[in-house]
C-alpha atoms as a PDB file:
ATOM      1  CA  MET A   1      12.888  19.766 -23.361  1.00  0.00           C
ATOM      2  CA  LEU A   2      15.263  22.429 -22.574  1.00  0.00           C
ATOM      3  CA  ILE A   3      18.553  20.585 -20.960  1.00  0.00           C
ATOM      4  CA  SER A   4      21.497  22.821 -19.898  1.00  0.00           C
ATOM      5  CA  THR A   5      25.400  21.023 -19.547  1.00  0.00           C
ATOM      6  CA  ARG A   6      26.025  22.812 -16.793  1.00  0.00           C
ATOM      7  CA  VAL A   7      23.223  20.956 -14.639  1.00  0.00           C
ATOM      8  CA  ARG A   8      24.019  17.481 -14.272  1.00  0.00           C
ATOM      9  CA  LYS A   9      22.108  14.111 -15.053  1.00  0.00           C
ATOM     10  CA  SER A  10      21.607  11.272 -12.802  1.00  0.00           C
ATOM     11  CA  PRO A  11      22.619   8.156 -13.648  1.00  0.00           C
ATOM     12  CA  TYR A  12      18.563   7.052 -14.120  1.00  0.00           C
ATOM     13  CA  TRP A  13      17.890  10.282 -16.070  1.00  0.00           C
ATOM     14  CA  HIS A  14      18.262   8.253 -19.131  1.00  0.00           C
ATOM     15  CA  LYS A  15      15.392   5.713 -17.889  1.00  0.00           C
ATOM     16  CA  SER A  16      13.576   8.457 -16.988  1.00  0.00           C
ATOM     17  CA  MET A  17      12.911  10.241 -20.760  1.00  0.00           C
ATOM     18  CA  GLU A  18      13.018   6.698 -22.236  1.00  0.00           C
ATOM     19  CA  ALA A  19       9.577   5.793 -19.481  1.00  0.00           C
ATOM     20  CA  GLY A  20       7.746   9.500 -21.009  1.00  0.00           C
ATOM     21  CA  CYS A  21       9.242  12.751 -18.991  1.00  0.00           C
ATOM     22  CA  TRP A  22       8.029  15.537 -20.317  1.00  0.00           C
ATOM     23  CA  ARG A  23       9.001  18.109 -17.800  1.00  0.00           C
ATOM     24  CA  ALA A  24      12.506  18.190 -14.661  1.00  0.00           C
ATOM     25  CA  THR A  25      13.244  21.194 -12.337  1.00  0.00           C
ATOM     26  CA  VAL A  26      16.129  21.524 -10.971  1.00  0.00           C
ATOM     27  CA  TYR A  27      16.568  20.329  -7.411  1.00  0.00           C
ATOM     28  CA  ASN A  28      20.049  19.909  -5.614  1.00  0.00           C
ATOM     29  CA  ARG A  29      22.053  20.873  -9.530  1.00  0.00           C
ATOM     30  CA  ILE A  30      20.379  17.785 -11.038  1.00  0.00           C
ATOM     31  CA  TYR A  31      17.155  17.712 -13.019  1.00  0.00           C
ATOM     32  CA  HIS A  32      14.459  15.678 -11.925  1.00  0.00           C
ATOM     33  CA  PRO A  33      11.625  14.118 -13.184  1.00  0.00           C
ATOM     34  CA  ARG A  34       8.443  15.651 -12.202  1.00  0.00           C
ATOM     35  CA  GLY A  35       5.969  13.927 -15.267  1.00  0.00           C
ATOM     36  CA  TYR A  36       5.782  11.688 -17.611  1.00  0.00           C
ATOM     37  CA  VAL A  37       1.826  11.456 -18.435  1.00  0.00           C
ATOM     38  CA  LYS A  38       0.893  15.090 -20.296  1.00  0.00           C
ATOM     39  CA  PRO A  39      -1.602  17.323 -19.975  1.00  0.00           C
ATOM     40  CA  GLU A  40      -3.886  16.001 -22.986  1.00  0.00           C
ATOM     41  CA  ASP A  41      -3.960  12.896 -21.049  1.00  0.00           C
ATOM     42  CA  GLY A  42      -4.648  13.574 -18.072  1.00  0.00           C
ATOM     43  CA  GLY A  43      -2.035  15.130 -16.192  1.00  0.00           C
ATOM     44  CA  ALA A  44      -1.245  14.774 -12.873  1.00  0.00           C
ATOM     45  CA  MET A  45      -4.207  13.289 -11.727  1.00  0.00           C
ATOM     46  CA  VAL A  46      -3.195  10.360 -13.578  1.00  0.00           C
ATOM     47  CA  GLU A  47      -0.419   9.982 -11.629  1.00  0.00           C
ATOM     48  CA  TYR A  48      -2.067  11.111  -8.786  1.00  0.00           C
ATOM     49  CA  GLU A  49      -4.615   8.086  -8.943  1.00  0.00           C
ATOM     50  CA  ALA A  50      -1.660   5.623  -9.768  1.00  0.00           C
ATOM     51  CA  ILE A  51      -0.309   6.848  -6.079  1.00  0.00           C
ATOM     52  CA  LYS A  52      -2.793   6.862  -4.544  1.00  0.00           C
ATOM     53  CA  ASN A  53      -4.744   3.384  -5.455  1.00  0.00           C
ATOM     54  CA  HIS A  54      -1.394   1.699  -6.964  1.00  0.00           C
ATOM     55  CA  VAL A  55       1.647   2.051  -7.247  1.00  0.00           C
ATOM     56  CA  THR A  56       4.539   3.547  -8.375  1.00  0.00           C
ATOM     57  CA  MET A  57       8.793   4.547  -8.973  1.00  0.00           C
ATOM     58  CA  TRP A  58       9.443   7.784  -8.478  1.00  0.00           C
ATOM     59  CA  ASN A  59      13.475   9.247  -9.601  1.00  0.00           C
ATOM     60  CA  VAL A  60      14.420  10.717  -6.153  1.00  0.00           C
ATOM     61  CA  ALA A  61      18.023  10.865  -7.310  1.00  0.00           C
ATOM     62  CA  VAL A  62      18.345  14.113  -6.633  1.00  0.00           C
ATOM     63  CA  GLU A  63      18.230  13.702  -3.082  1.00  0.00           C
ATOM     64  CA  ARG A  64      22.923  13.256  -3.448  1.00  0.00           C
ATOM     65  CA  GLN A  65      23.860  11.787  -0.172  1.00  0.00           C
ATOM     66  CA  ILE A  66      27.408  13.431   2.113  1.00  0.00           C
ATOM     67  CA  ARG A  67      28.097  10.108   3.675  1.00  0.00           C
ATOM     68  CA  VAL A  68      30.311  10.490   7.081  1.00  0.00           C
ATOM     69  CA  LYS A  69      32.317   7.975   8.276  1.00  0.00           C
ATOM     70  CA  GLY A  70      35.156   7.319  10.674  1.00  0.00           C
ATOM     71  CA  PRO A  71      36.173   7.150  14.355  1.00  0.00           C
ATOM     72  CA  ASP A  72      34.450  10.253  14.966  1.00  0.00           C
ATOM     73  CA  ALA A  73      30.405  10.029  12.721  1.00  0.00           C
ATOM     74  CA  GLU A  74      28.509   9.896  15.673  1.00  0.00           C
ATOM     75  CA  LYS A  75      30.885  13.419  16.997  1.00  0.00           C
ATOM     76  CA  PHE A  76      30.405  15.409  14.470  1.00  0.00           C
ATOM     77  CA  THR A  77      26.808  14.230  13.196  1.00  0.00           C
ATOM     78  CA  ASP A  78      25.685  15.177  16.522  1.00  0.00           C
ATOM     79  CA  TYR A  79      27.378  18.230  16.551  1.00  0.00           C
ATOM     80  CA  VAL A  80      25.343  19.759  12.906  1.00  0.00           C
ATOM     81  CA  ILE A  81      21.875  18.150  13.484  1.00  0.00           C
ATOM     82  CA  THR A  82      19.589  19.594  16.164  1.00  0.00           C
ATOM     83  CA  ARG A  83      18.873  16.057  17.108  1.00  0.00           C
ATOM     84  CA  ASP A  84      20.271  13.492  19.451  1.00  0.00           C
ATOM     85  CA  ALA A  85      22.437  11.031  17.184  1.00  0.00           C
ATOM     86  CA  THR A  86      23.597   8.773  20.085  1.00  0.00           C
ATOM     87  CA  ASN A  87      20.552   8.017  20.097  1.00  0.00           C
ATOM     88  CA  ILE A  88      19.987   6.780  16.533  1.00  0.00           C
ATOM     89  CA  SER A  89      21.038   2.457  16.510  1.00  0.00           C
ATOM     90  CA  PRO A  90      22.799   1.506  13.142  1.00  0.00           C
ATOM     91  CA  MET A  91      20.308   0.153  10.267  1.00  0.00           C
ATOM     92  CA  ARG A  92      17.580   3.588  11.439  1.00  0.00           C
ATOM     93  CA  ALA A  93      16.709   6.665   9.391  1.00  0.00           C
ATOM     94  CA  ARG A  94      15.123   9.838  11.251  1.00  0.00           C
ATOM     95  CA  TYR A  95      14.473  13.443   9.377  1.00  0.00           C
ATOM     96  CA  ILE A  96      16.833  15.945  10.835  1.00  0.00           C
ATOM     97  CA  ILE A  97      17.126  19.434  10.581  1.00  0.00           C
ATOM     98  CA  LEU A  98      20.406  21.309  11.119  1.00  0.00           C
ATOM     99  CA  CYS A  99      20.613  25.017  11.501  1.00  0.00           C
ATOM    100  CA  ASN A 100      22.992  27.719  11.414  1.00  0.00           C
ATOM    101  CA  ASN A 101      24.134  29.955  14.317  1.00  0.00           C
ATOM    102  CA  LYS A 102      20.831  31.308  14.453  1.00  0.00           C
ATOM    103  CA  GLY A 103      18.674  28.553  14.119  1.00  0.00           C
ATOM    104  CA  GLY A 104      17.268  29.506  10.551  1.00  0.00           C
ATOM    105  CA  VAL A 105      17.452  25.959   8.540  1.00  0.00           C
ATOM    106  CA  LEU A 106      19.781  25.112   6.538  1.00  0.00           C
ATOM    107  CA  ASN A 107      18.617  22.226   5.621  1.00  0.00           C
ATOM    108  CA  ASP A 108      16.167  18.748   6.634  1.00  0.00           C
ATOM    109  CA  PRO A 109      17.511  16.180   5.445  1.00  0.00           C
ATOM    110  CA  ILE A 110      16.859  11.953   6.501  1.00  0.00           C
ATOM    111  CA  LEU A 111      19.776  11.216   8.241  1.00  0.00           C
ATOM    112  CA  LEU A 112      20.255   7.016   7.706  1.00  0.00           C
ATOM    113  CA  ARG A 113      23.121   5.495  10.383  1.00  0.00           C
ATOM    114  CA  ILE A 114      24.359   2.479   8.236  1.00  0.00           C
ATOM    115  CA  SER A 115      26.787   1.422  10.926  1.00  0.00           C
ATOM    116  CA  LYS A 116      28.609   2.498  14.188  1.00  0.00           C
ATOM    117  CA  ASP A 117      30.958   4.845  12.153  1.00  0.00           C
ATOM    118  CA  GLU A 118      28.813   6.129   9.057  1.00  0.00           C
ATOM    119  CA  PHE A 119      26.362   7.921   8.265  1.00  0.00           C
ATOM    120  CA  TRP A 120      24.509   9.464   5.272  1.00  0.00           C
ATOM    121  CA  PHE A 121      23.330  12.581   4.752  1.00  0.00           C
ATOM    122  CA  SER A 122      20.213  11.821   1.945  1.00  0.00           C
ATOM    123  CA  LEU A 123      20.343  15.980   1.164  1.00  0.00           C
ATOM    124  CA  SER A 124      16.191  17.925   0.029  1.00  0.00           C
ATOM    125  CA  ASP A 125      17.656  21.128  -1.828  1.00  0.00           C
ATOM    126  CA  SER A 126      20.975  22.649  -0.323  1.00  0.00           C
ATOM    127  CA  ASP A 127      24.513  22.542  -1.005  1.00  0.00           C
ATOM    128  CA  ILE A 128      24.603  20.580   2.406  1.00  0.00           C
ATOM    129  CA  GLY A 129      28.063  18.262   2.294  1.00  0.00           C
ATOM    130  CA  LEU A 130      30.523  21.228   1.053  1.00  0.00           C
ATOM    131  CA  TYR A 131      28.757  23.134   4.400  1.00  0.00           C
ATOM    132  CA  LEU A 132      29.452  19.260   6.356  1.00  0.00           C
ATOM    133  CA  GLN A 133      33.243  19.690   4.291  1.00  0.00           C
ATOM    134  CA  GLY A 134      33.550  23.707   5.258  1.00  0.00           C
ATOM    135  CA  VAL A 135      32.242  22.292   8.770  1.00  0.00           C
ATOM    136  CA  ASN A 136      35.255  20.420   9.423  1.00  0.00           C
ATOM    137  CA  ALA A 137      37.881  21.980   7.613  1.00  0.00           C
ATOM    138  CA  ASP A 138      39.968  22.152  10.913  1.00  0.00           C
ATOM    139  CA  LYS A 139      40.376  18.728  11.097  1.00  0.00           C
ATOM    140  CA  ARG A 140      38.580  18.513  15.047  1.00  0.00           C
ATOM    141  CA  PHE A 141      36.676  15.190  13.811  1.00  0.00           C
ATOM    142  CA  ASN A 142      37.942  12.610  12.501  1.00  0.00           C
ATOM    143  CA  VAL A 143      36.153  11.916   9.549  1.00  0.00           C
ATOM    144  CA  GLU A 144      36.220  11.391   6.112  1.00  0.00           C
ATOM    145  CA  ILE A 145      33.269  13.543   3.972  1.00  0.00           C
ATOM    146  CA  ASP A 146      32.569  12.837   0.830  1.00  0.00           C
ATOM    147  CA  GLU A 147      29.528  12.638  -1.764  1.00  0.00           C
ATOM    148  CA  ILE A 148      29.245   9.051  -2.854  1.00  0.00           C
ATOM    149  CA  ASP A 149      27.578   7.180  -5.808  1.00  0.00           C
ATOM    150  CA  SER A 150      24.088   6.195  -4.259  1.00  0.00           C
ATOM    151  CA  CYS A 151      21.286   7.009  -5.543  1.00  0.00           C
ATOM    152  CA  PRO A 152      17.630   7.028  -4.294  1.00  0.00           C
ATOM    153  CA  VAL A 153      14.627   5.441  -5.968  1.00  0.00           C
ATOM    154  CA  GLN A 154      11.237   5.358  -4.243  1.00  0.00           C
ATOM    155  CA  ILE A 155       7.999   3.152  -4.345  1.00  0.00           C
ATOM    156  CA  GLN A 156       5.337   4.294  -3.076  1.00  0.00           C
ATOM    157  CA  GLY A 157       1.788   3.638  -2.726  1.00  0.00           C
ATOM    158  CA  PRO A 158      -0.586   0.645  -1.337  1.00  0.00           C
ATOM    159  CA  LYS A 159       0.148  -1.162  -3.314  1.00  0.00           C
ATOM    160  CA  SER A 160       4.622  -1.054  -2.234  1.00  0.00           C
ATOM    161  CA  LEU A 161       4.716  -3.384   0.232  1.00  0.00           C
ATOM    162  CA  ALA A 162       3.829  -6.678  -2.439  1.00  0.00           C
ATOM    163  CA  LEU A 163       6.116  -4.915  -5.055  1.00  0.00           C
ATOM    164  CA  MET A 164       9.229  -4.731  -2.496  1.00  0.00           C
ATOM    165  CA  LYS A 165       8.058  -8.992  -1.836  1.00  0.00           C
ATOM    166  CA  ASP A 166       8.986  -9.469  -5.156  1.00  0.00           C
ATOM    167  CA  LEU A 167      11.763  -7.729  -5.718  1.00  0.00           C
ATOM    168  CA  ILE A 168      13.482  -8.960  -2.729  1.00  0.00           C
ATOM    169  CA  GLY A 169      11.949 -12.170  -1.355  1.00  0.00           C
ATOM    170  CA  ASP A 170      13.083 -13.400   2.152  1.00  0.00           C
ATOM    171  CA  GLN A 171      16.107 -10.822   1.955  1.00  0.00           C
ATOM    172  CA  VAL A 172      14.189  -8.321   4.367  1.00  0.00           C
ATOM    173  CA  ASP A 173      11.708  -8.955   7.072  1.00  0.00           C
ATOM    174  CA  LEU A 174       9.609  -6.744   5.402  1.00  0.00           C
ATOM    175  CA  ASP A 175       6.432  -7.347   7.774  1.00  0.00           C
ATOM    176  CA  ASN A 176       8.305  -6.343  10.296  1.00  0.00           C
ATOM    177  CA  MET A 177      10.167  -3.291   9.222  1.00  0.00           C
ATOM    178  CA  PRO A 178       8.978  -0.427  11.161  1.00  0.00           C
ATOM    179  CA  PHE A 179       9.387   2.782   9.212  1.00  0.00           C
ATOM    180  CA  TYR A 180      12.416   3.827   9.326  1.00  0.00           C
ATOM    181  CA  GLY A 181      14.316   1.687   9.941  1.00  0.00           C
ATOM    182  CA  LEU A 182      16.797  -0.342   7.015  1.00  0.00           C
ATOM    183  CA  ALA A 183      18.366  -3.125   5.779  1.00  0.00           C
ATOM    184  CA  GLU A 184      21.051  -4.329   2.987  1.00  0.00           C
ATOM    185  CA  ALA A 185      19.656  -6.258   0.044  1.00  0.00           C
ATOM    186  CA  THR A 186      19.982  -6.574  -3.245  1.00  0.00           C
ATOM    187  CA  ILE A 187      17.491  -5.759  -6.504  1.00  0.00           C
ATOM    188  CA  GLY A 188      18.953  -7.005 -10.140  1.00  0.00           C
ATOM    189  CA  GLY A 189      21.920  -8.435  -8.526  1.00  0.00           C
ATOM    190  CA  ARG A 190      22.730  -5.013  -7.401  1.00  0.00           C
ATOM    191  CA  SER A 191      23.898  -3.951  -2.975  1.00  0.00           C
ATOM    192  CA  CYS A 192      21.176  -1.843  -2.155  1.00  0.00           C
ATOM    193  CA  VAL A 193      20.321   0.123   0.637  1.00  0.00           C
ATOM    194  CA  ILE A 194      16.324   0.067   2.269  1.00  0.00           C
ATOM    195  CA  SER A 195      14.587   2.426   3.394  1.00  0.00           C
ATOM    196  CA  GLN A 196      11.037   2.209   4.549  1.00  0.00           C
ATOM    197  CA  SER A 197      10.690   5.660   3.849  1.00  0.00           C
ATOM    198  CA  GLY A 198       8.848   8.317   1.391  1.00  0.00           C
ATOM    199  CA  PHE A 199       7.475  11.600   1.536  1.00  0.00           C
ATOM    200  CA  SER A 200       4.096  11.326  -0.221  1.00  0.00           C
ATOM    201  CA  GLY A 201       1.580  10.104   2.502  1.00  0.00           C
ATOM    202  CA  GLU A 202       1.270   6.690   0.950  1.00  0.00           C
ATOM    203  CA  ALA A 203       3.250   2.901   2.373  1.00  0.00           C
ATOM    204  CA  GLY A 204       6.106   3.054   0.866  1.00  0.00           C
ATOM    205  CA  TYR A 205      10.009   2.618   0.778  1.00  0.00           C
ATOM    206  CA  GLU A 206      12.511   4.175  -0.908  1.00  0.00           C
ATOM    207  CA  ILE A 207      16.041   2.361  -2.935  1.00  0.00           C
ATOM    208  CA  TYR A 208      19.559   2.966  -2.649  1.00  0.00           C
ATOM    209  CA  LEU A 209      21.543   1.832  -5.251  1.00  0.00           C
ATOM    210  CA  ARG A 210      25.121   1.447  -4.566  1.00  0.00           C
ATOM    211  CA  ASP A 211      27.582   2.106  -7.269  1.00  0.00           C
ATOM    212  CA  ALA A 212      24.945   4.198  -9.192  1.00  0.00           C
ATOM    213  CA  THR A 213      26.035   5.449 -11.648  1.00  0.00           C
ATOM    214  CA  LEU A 214      27.715   1.314 -12.705  1.00  0.00           C
ATOM    215  CA  TYR A 215      24.151  -0.082 -12.334  1.00  0.00           C
ATOM    216  CA  ALA A 216      22.192   2.483 -12.841  1.00  0.00           C
ATOM    217  CA  ASP A 217      20.007   0.060 -15.586  1.00  0.00           C
ATOM    218  CA  ASP A 218      20.245  -3.309 -13.148  1.00  0.00           C
ATOM    219  CA  MET A 219      18.240  -1.457  -9.742  1.00  0.00           C
ATOM    220  CA  TRP A 220      15.530   0.069 -12.385  1.00  0.00           C
ATOM    221  CA  ASP A 221      14.658  -2.472 -15.072  1.00  0.00           C
ATOM    222  CA  ALA A 222      14.182  -4.643 -12.335  1.00  0.00           C
ATOM    223  CA  VAL A 223      11.450  -2.875 -10.228  1.00  0.00           C
ATOM    224  CA  LEU A 224      10.089  -1.852 -13.790  1.00  0.00           C
END
């Protein structure tokens, strides 16, 4: 596998390599693992059967987290997205779109509202963090905009609920957690935000590990 030093490796990259990752693409300037089972061993169909019938963990640390925090966080977020940010309650997430002045789509991330004055933009593939900082270059909004060291993995498949219950026990009432609901929990002794979400089409969750550079191994190994 050709590796360039001009592309970032996520905190989970070495764990993906240990798990057998043999191909990757680049997404948000970070290596994104795209295959673990080689063609001679069944390839993508083996992985498809696993997510359709069992449970899988995906390294999606390429979804970089841009935090908007401060007294004007809601006002700023409402200014840059197409839906009404005031209708998003704390500890809920939503799929959102950011557009340019002609209506062209700039990014379609998941937006997590962590608290009254804190939002995380979980990015799809573009430098939207720089865009957000540029929008507020004149400091008209009283917010801080920065990339934080929180990296997600996805737990996807029909057995994802059972796995999550094993991981977090009674910290969160997963049976009554709504789609795009958020919760605080510890996994492997490390602080995480849990989201009932994912883009697989199956039941699933996302685990956003705080201080991922320091604690990636602890969380990853606890899941496995």
